[in-house]
Amino acid sequence: METKATAKYMRISPRKVRLVAQNIKGLPVEQAINILRFTPQKAASFINKVLDSAVANAEQVPGIDVDAMKVKNVIVNEGPTWKRFMPRAMGRATRIRKRTSHITVILEEA
């Protein structure tokens, strides 16, 4: 049985999240939580929140052993980009792109 959780519009670049997400794919949930807890990147806290939500979703389904679940996949998609401008020298302006991410964690029974 699969359960999943999604967090949308997270204010971090998808590229940065994918670097952390690849570390926990295929691992048991408890081991994945420990890895995320000691990972210094900002993305680890975002993924940890979604992973906790996925575990809570799994607890609501009767007949699922949460302790035996593993991370099947972590999908990081690009969300909408906030476009801003920063003034530069000689009256010019530079575009700044503030990227967002949609993070999905899928768990399965081992």
N, C-alpha and C. Protein backbone atom coordinates (compact mmCIF):
# COMPACT_ATOMS: atom_id res chain seq x y z
N MET A 1 0.83 -1.17 0.00
CA MET A 1 0.00 0.00 0.00
C MET A 1 0.88 1.25 0.00
N GLU A 2 0.52 2.20 -0.79
CA GLU A 2 1.29 3.45 -0.89
C GLU A 2 0.54 4.58 -0.21
N THR A 3 1.30 5.46 0.40
CA THR A 3 0.75 6.72 0.91
C THR A 3 1.67 7.83 0.45
N LYS A 4 1.11 9.03 0.30
CA LYS A 4 1.94 10.13 -0.14
C LYS A 4 1.51 11.42 0.52
N ALA A 5 2.41 12.38 0.48
CA ALA A 5 2.14 13.71 0.99
C ALA A 5 2.83 14.70 0.05
N THR A 6 2.21 15.88 -0.10
CA THR A 6 2.74 16.89 -1.01
C THR A 6 2.79 18.24 -0.31
N ALA A 7 3.86 18.96 -0.54
CA ALA A 7 3.97 20.35 -0.09
C ALA A 7 4.20 21.19 -1.34
N LYS A 8 3.36 22.20 -1.51
CA LYS A 8 3.46 23.04 -2.71
C LYS A 8 3.97 24.43 -2.36
N TYR A 9 4.55 25.06 -3.33
CA TYR A 9 5.01 26.45 -3.26
C TYR A 9 6.05 26.67 -2.17
N MET A 10 6.94 25.70 -1.98
CA MET A 10 8.00 25.87 -0.99
C MET A 10 9.05 26.82 -1.58
N ARG A 11 9.51 27.78 -0.78
CA ARG A 11 10.38 28.84 -1.29
C ARG A 11 11.84 28.40 -1.30
N ILE A 12 12.15 27.44 -2.15
CA ILE A 12 13.52 26.98 -2.35
C ILE A 12 13.61 26.43 -3.76
N SER A 13 14.76 26.55 -4.35
CA SER A 13 14.96 26.10 -5.72
C SER A 13 14.85 24.58 -5.81
N PRO A 14 14.19 24.06 -6.85
CA PRO A 14 14.06 22.61 -6.99
C PRO A 14 15.40 21.89 -7.10
N ARG A 15 16.36 22.54 -7.70
CA ARG A 15 17.68 21.93 -7.87
C ARG A 15 18.32 21.65 -6.51
N LYS A 16 18.16 22.57 -5.58
CA LYS A 16 18.73 22.38 -4.24
C LYS A 16 18.00 21.28 -3.48
N VAL A 17 16.70 21.15 -3.70
CA VAL A 17 15.93 20.12 -3.00
C VAL A 17 16.28 18.74 -3.55
N ARG A 18 16.46 18.65 -4.85
CA ARG A 18 16.76 17.35 -5.47
C ARG A 18 18.08 16.77 -4.96
N LEU A 19 19.05 17.63 -4.65
CA LEU A 19 20.34 17.15 -4.14
C LEU A 19 20.16 16.43 -2.80
N VAL A 20 19.26 16.92 -1.97
CA VAL A 20 19.01 16.29 -0.67
C VAL A 20 18.08 15.09 -0.83
N ALA A 21 17.11 15.21 -1.74
CA ALA A 21 16.09 14.16 -1.91
C ALA A 21 16.70 12.84 -2.38
N GLN A 22 17.74 12.91 -3.19
CA GLN A 22 18.31 11.67 -3.71
C GLN A 22 18.99 10.84 -2.61
N ASN A 23 19.29 11.46 -1.48
CA ASN A 23 19.95 10.74 -0.39
C ASN A 23 19.02 9.80 0.36
N ILE A 24 17.71 10.01 0.30
CA ILE A 24 16.79 9.19 1.11
C ILE A 24 15.93 8.24 0.30
N LYS A 25 16.05 8.25 -1.02
CA LYS A 25 15.23 7.35 -1.83
C LYS A 25 15.57 5.90 -1.54
N GLY A 26 14.52 5.11 -1.30
CA GLY A 26 14.70 3.68 -1.08
C GLY A 26 15.05 3.30 0.34
N LEU A 27 15.20 4.25 1.24
CA LEU A 27 15.58 3.95 2.62
C LEU A 27 14.35 3.73 3.50
N PRO A 28 14.51 2.99 4.59
CA PRO A 28 13.42 2.91 5.57
C PRO A 28 13.14 4.29 6.15
N VAL A 29 11.91 4.51 6.59
CA VAL A 29 11.48 5.84 7.04
C VAL A 29 12.33 6.33 8.20
N GLU A 30 12.58 5.47 9.17
CA GLU A 30 13.34 5.91 10.35
C GLU A 30 14.75 6.33 9.98
N GLN A 31 15.38 5.59 9.09
CA GLN A 31 16.73 5.94 8.65
C GLN A 31 16.72 7.23 7.83
N ALA A 32 15.70 7.42 7.02
CA ALA A 32 15.58 8.65 6.23
C ALA A 32 15.41 9.87 7.14
N ILE A 33 14.61 9.73 8.20
CA ILE A 33 14.42 10.84 9.14
C ILE A 33 15.74 11.19 9.83
N ASN A 34 16.51 10.17 10.20
CA ASN A 34 17.81 10.43 10.84
C ASN A 34 18.77 11.13 9.90
N ILE A 35 18.79 10.75 8.64
CA ILE A 35 19.67 11.40 7.67
C ILE A 35 19.26 12.85 7.49
N LEU A 36 17.96 13.10 7.37
CA LEU A 36 17.50 14.47 7.17
C LEU A 36 17.75 15.34 8.40
N ARG A 37 17.67 14.75 9.58
CA ARG A 37 17.88 15.51 10.81
C ARG A 37 19.31 16.06 10.88
N PHE A 38 20.27 15.33 10.36
CA PHE A 38 21.67 15.73 10.46
C PHE A 38 22.23 16.29 9.15
N THR A 39 21.37 16.56 8.20
CA THR A 39 21.79 17.19 6.95
C THR A 39 21.69 18.70 7.13
N PRO A 40 22.77 19.45 6.89
CA PRO A 40 22.76 20.88 7.19
C PRO A 40 22.02 21.76 6.18
N GLN A 41 21.62 21.24 5.04
CA GLN A 41 20.96 22.06 4.03
C GLN A 41 19.54 22.45 4.46
N LYS A 42 19.09 23.60 3.98
CA LYS A 42 17.75 24.09 4.27
C LYS A 42 16.69 23.14 3.71
N ALA A 43 16.99 22.51 2.59
CA ALA A 43 16.03 21.62 1.94
C ALA A 43 15.69 20.42 2.81
N ALA A 44 16.60 20.02 3.68
CA ALA A 44 16.36 18.85 4.52
C ALA A 44 15.17 19.07 5.45
N SER A 45 15.02 20.29 5.96
CA SER A 45 13.88 20.54 6.85
C SER A 45 12.56 20.52 6.09
N PHE A 46 12.56 21.00 4.84
CA PHE A 46 11.35 20.95 4.02
C PHE A 46 10.96 19.50 3.72
N ILE A 47 11.92 18.69 3.33
CA ILE A 47 11.64 17.29 3.00
C ILE A 47 11.21 16.54 4.27
N ASN A 48 11.82 16.88 5.40
CA ASN A 48 11.46 16.22 6.66
C ASN A 48 10.00 16.50 7.02
N LYS A 49 9.53 17.73 6.80
CA LYS A 49 8.14 18.07 7.07
C LYS A 49 7.19 17.23 6.21
N VAL A 50 7.53 17.09 4.93
CA VAL A 50 6.67 16.33 4.02
C VAL A 50 6.72 14.85 4.38
N LEU A 51 7.89 14.35 4.77
CA LEU A 51 8.02 12.95 5.17
C LEU A 51 7.19 12.67 6.43
N ASP A 52 7.22 13.58 7.40
CA ASP A 52 6.40 13.42 8.60
C ASP A 52 4.91 13.41 8.25
N SER A 53 4.52 14.24 7.31
CA SER A 53 3.12 14.28 6.88
C SER A 53 2.73 12.97 6.20
N ALA A 54 3.62 12.41 5.39
CA ALA A 54 3.34 11.14 4.72
C ALA A 54 3.20 10.01 5.74
N VAL A 55 4.02 10.03 6.79
CA VAL A 55 3.93 9.02 7.84
C VAL A 55 2.60 9.17 8.59
N ALA A 56 2.20 10.41 8.86
CA ALA A 56 0.92 10.65 9.53
C ALA A 56 -0.24 10.18 8.65
N ASN A 57 -0.14 10.38 7.35
CA ASN A 57 -1.17 9.89 6.44
C ASN A 57 -1.25 8.37 6.47
N ALA A 58 -0.08 7.71 6.57
CA ALA A 58 -0.05 6.25 6.60
C ALA A 58 -0.67 5.72 7.89
N GLU A 59 -0.51 6.46 8.99
CA GLU A 59 -1.08 6.02 10.26
C GLU A 59 -2.60 6.01 10.24
N GLN A 60 -3.19 6.80 9.37
CA GLN A 60 -4.64 6.89 9.29
C GLN A 60 -5.26 5.70 8.57
N VAL A 61 -4.46 4.98 7.78
CA VAL A 61 -4.97 3.83 7.03
C VAL A 61 -4.85 2.59 7.91
N PRO A 62 -5.96 1.88 8.15
CA PRO A 62 -5.86 0.69 9.00
C PRO A 62 -5.11 -0.44 8.30
N GLY A 63 -4.36 -1.19 9.09
CA GLY A 63 -3.66 -2.35 8.55
C GLY A 63 -2.28 -2.06 7.99
N ILE A 64 -1.78 -0.84 8.17
CA ILE A 64 -0.44 -0.52 7.67
C ILE A 64 0.52 -0.42 8.85
N ASP A 65 1.65 -1.12 8.74
CA ASP A 65 2.69 -1.06 9.75
C ASP A 65 3.63 0.09 9.38
N VAL A 66 3.55 1.18 10.12
CA VAL A 66 4.32 2.39 9.80
C VAL A 66 5.81 2.15 9.99
N ASP A 67 6.17 1.29 10.95
CA ASP A 67 7.59 1.03 11.22
C ASP A 67 8.26 0.29 10.07
N ALA A 68 7.49 -0.41 9.25
CA ALA A 68 8.06 -1.19 8.16
C ALA A 68 8.00 -0.46 6.82
N MET A 69 7.66 0.81 6.83
CA MET A 69 7.54 1.54 5.57
C MET A 69 8.90 2.07 5.11
N LYS A 70 9.01 2.24 3.80
CA LYS A 70 10.23 2.84 3.25
C LYS A 70 9.86 3.91 2.23
N VAL A 71 10.81 4.76 1.94
CA VAL A 71 10.59 5.86 1.01
C VAL A 71 10.71 5.30 -0.41
N LYS A 72 9.59 5.27 -1.10
CA LYS A 72 9.60 4.74 -2.46
C LYS A 72 10.18 5.76 -3.43
N ASN A 73 9.74 7.02 -3.31
CA ASN A 73 10.20 8.05 -4.24
C ASN A 73 10.01 9.42 -3.61
N VAL A 74 10.86 10.34 -4.01
CA VAL A 74 10.71 11.75 -3.65
C VAL A 74 10.73 12.52 -4.97
N ILE A 75 9.61 13.16 -5.27
CA ILE A 75 9.48 13.89 -6.53
C ILE A 75 9.54 15.39 -6.22
N VAL A 76 10.42 16.08 -6.91
CA VAL A 76 10.55 17.53 -6.72
C VAL A 76 10.28 18.19 -8.07
N ASN A 77 9.16 18.89 -8.16
CA ASN A 77 8.80 19.61 -9.37
C ASN A 77 8.97 21.10 -9.17
N GLU A 78 9.10 21.80 -10.28
CA GLU A 78 9.27 23.23 -10.21
C GLU A 78 7.91 23.91 -10.09
N GLY A 79 7.81 24.83 -9.14
CA GLY A 79 6.60 25.61 -8.97
C GLY A 79 6.73 26.93 -9.72
N PRO A 80 5.80 27.83 -9.50
CA PRO A 80 5.89 29.14 -10.17
C PRO A 80 7.09 29.93 -9.66
N THR A 81 7.63 30.74 -10.53
CA THR A 81 8.79 31.56 -10.19
C THR A 81 8.35 32.99 -9.95
N TRP A 82 8.79 33.56 -8.83
CA TRP A 82 8.52 34.97 -8.55
C TRP A 82 9.56 35.79 -9.28
N LYS A 83 9.12 36.77 -10.04
CA LYS A 83 10.04 37.60 -10.81
C LYS A 83 10.15 38.97 -10.16
N ARG A 84 11.38 39.35 -9.85
CA ARG A 84 11.65 40.63 -9.22
C ARG A 84 12.77 41.32 -10.01
N PHE A 85 12.93 42.61 -9.78
CA PHE A 85 14.00 43.36 -10.42
C PHE A 85 14.86 44.03 -9.38
N MET A 86 16.15 44.08 -9.66
CA MET A 86 17.09 44.75 -8.78
C MET A 86 17.79 45.86 -9.56
N PRO A 87 17.81 47.07 -9.04
CA PRO A 87 18.49 48.15 -9.75
C PRO A 87 19.99 47.90 -9.83
N ARG A 88 20.55 48.25 -10.98
CA ARG A 88 21.99 48.08 -11.21
C ARG A 88 22.59 49.42 -11.65
N ALA A 89 23.82 49.38 -12.00
CA ALA A 89 24.53 50.60 -12.36
C ALA A 89 23.98 51.21 -13.66
N MET A 90 24.10 52.50 -13.78
CA MET A 90 23.76 53.27 -14.98
C MET A 90 22.30 53.09 -15.39
N GLY A 91 21.39 52.99 -14.41
CA GLY A 91 19.97 52.96 -14.70
C GLY A 91 19.44 51.63 -15.21
N ARG A 92 20.24 50.60 -15.17
CA ARG A 92 19.80 49.30 -15.65
C ARG A 92 19.09 48.54 -14.52
N ALA A 93 18.48 47.45 -14.90
CA ALA A 93 17.84 46.57 -13.91
C ALA A 93 18.13 45.13 -14.29
N THR A 94 18.28 44.29 -13.28
CA THR A 94 18.55 42.87 -13.48
C THR A 94 17.38 42.08 -12.92
N ARG A 95 16.95 41.08 -13.66
CA ARG A 95 15.85 40.24 -13.21
C ARG A 95 16.36 39.25 -12.17
N ILE A 96 15.59 39.10 -11.11
CA ILE A 96 15.88 38.10 -10.08
C ILE A 96 14.73 37.11 -10.09
N ARG A 97 15.07 35.82 -10.17
CA ARG A 97 14.05 34.78 -10.18
C ARG A 97 14.08 34.05 -8.84
N LYS A 98 12.98 34.16 -8.11
CA LYS A 98 12.85 33.46 -6.84
C LYS A 98 12.03 32.21 -7.10
N ARG A 99 12.70 31.09 -7.14
CA ARG A 99 12.08 29.84 -7.55
C ARG A 99 11.36 29.15 -6.40
N THR A 100 10.31 28.41 -6.74
CA THR A 100 9.57 27.63 -5.75
C THR A 100 9.53 26.17 -6.19
N SER A 101 9.20 25.30 -5.24
CA SER A 101 9.21 23.86 -5.48
C SER A 101 7.92 23.22 -5.00
N HIS A 102 7.54 22.14 -5.66
CA HIS A 102 6.48 21.25 -5.20
C HIS A 102 7.17 19.94 -4.82
N ILE A 103 7.06 19.52 -3.57
CA ILE A 103 7.76 18.33 -3.07
C ILE A 103 6.71 17.26 -2.76
N THR A 104 6.89 16.06 -3.31
CA THR A 104 6.00 14.92 -3.06
C THR A 104 6.83 13.75 -2.55
N VAL A 105 6.41 13.18 -1.42
CA VAL A 105 7.07 12.01 -0.86
C VAL A 105 6.08 10.85 -0.92
N ILE A 106 6.53 9.73 -1.50
CA ILE A 106 5.69 8.53 -1.63
C ILE A 106 6.32 7.43 -0.79
N LEU A 107 5.52 6.86 0.11
CA LEU A 107 5.97 5.77 0.97
C LEU A 107 5.28 4.48 0.56
N GLU A 108 5.96 3.35 0.79
CA GLU A 108 5.36 2.05 0.53
C GLU A 108 5.76 1.08 1.64
N GLU A 109 4.95 0.04 1.78
CA GLU A 109 5.28 -0.98 2.78
C GLU A 109 6.42 -1.84 2.25
N ALA A 110 7.37 -2.12 3.12
CA ALA A 110 8.54 -2.90 2.72
C ALA A 110 8.24 -4.38 2.62
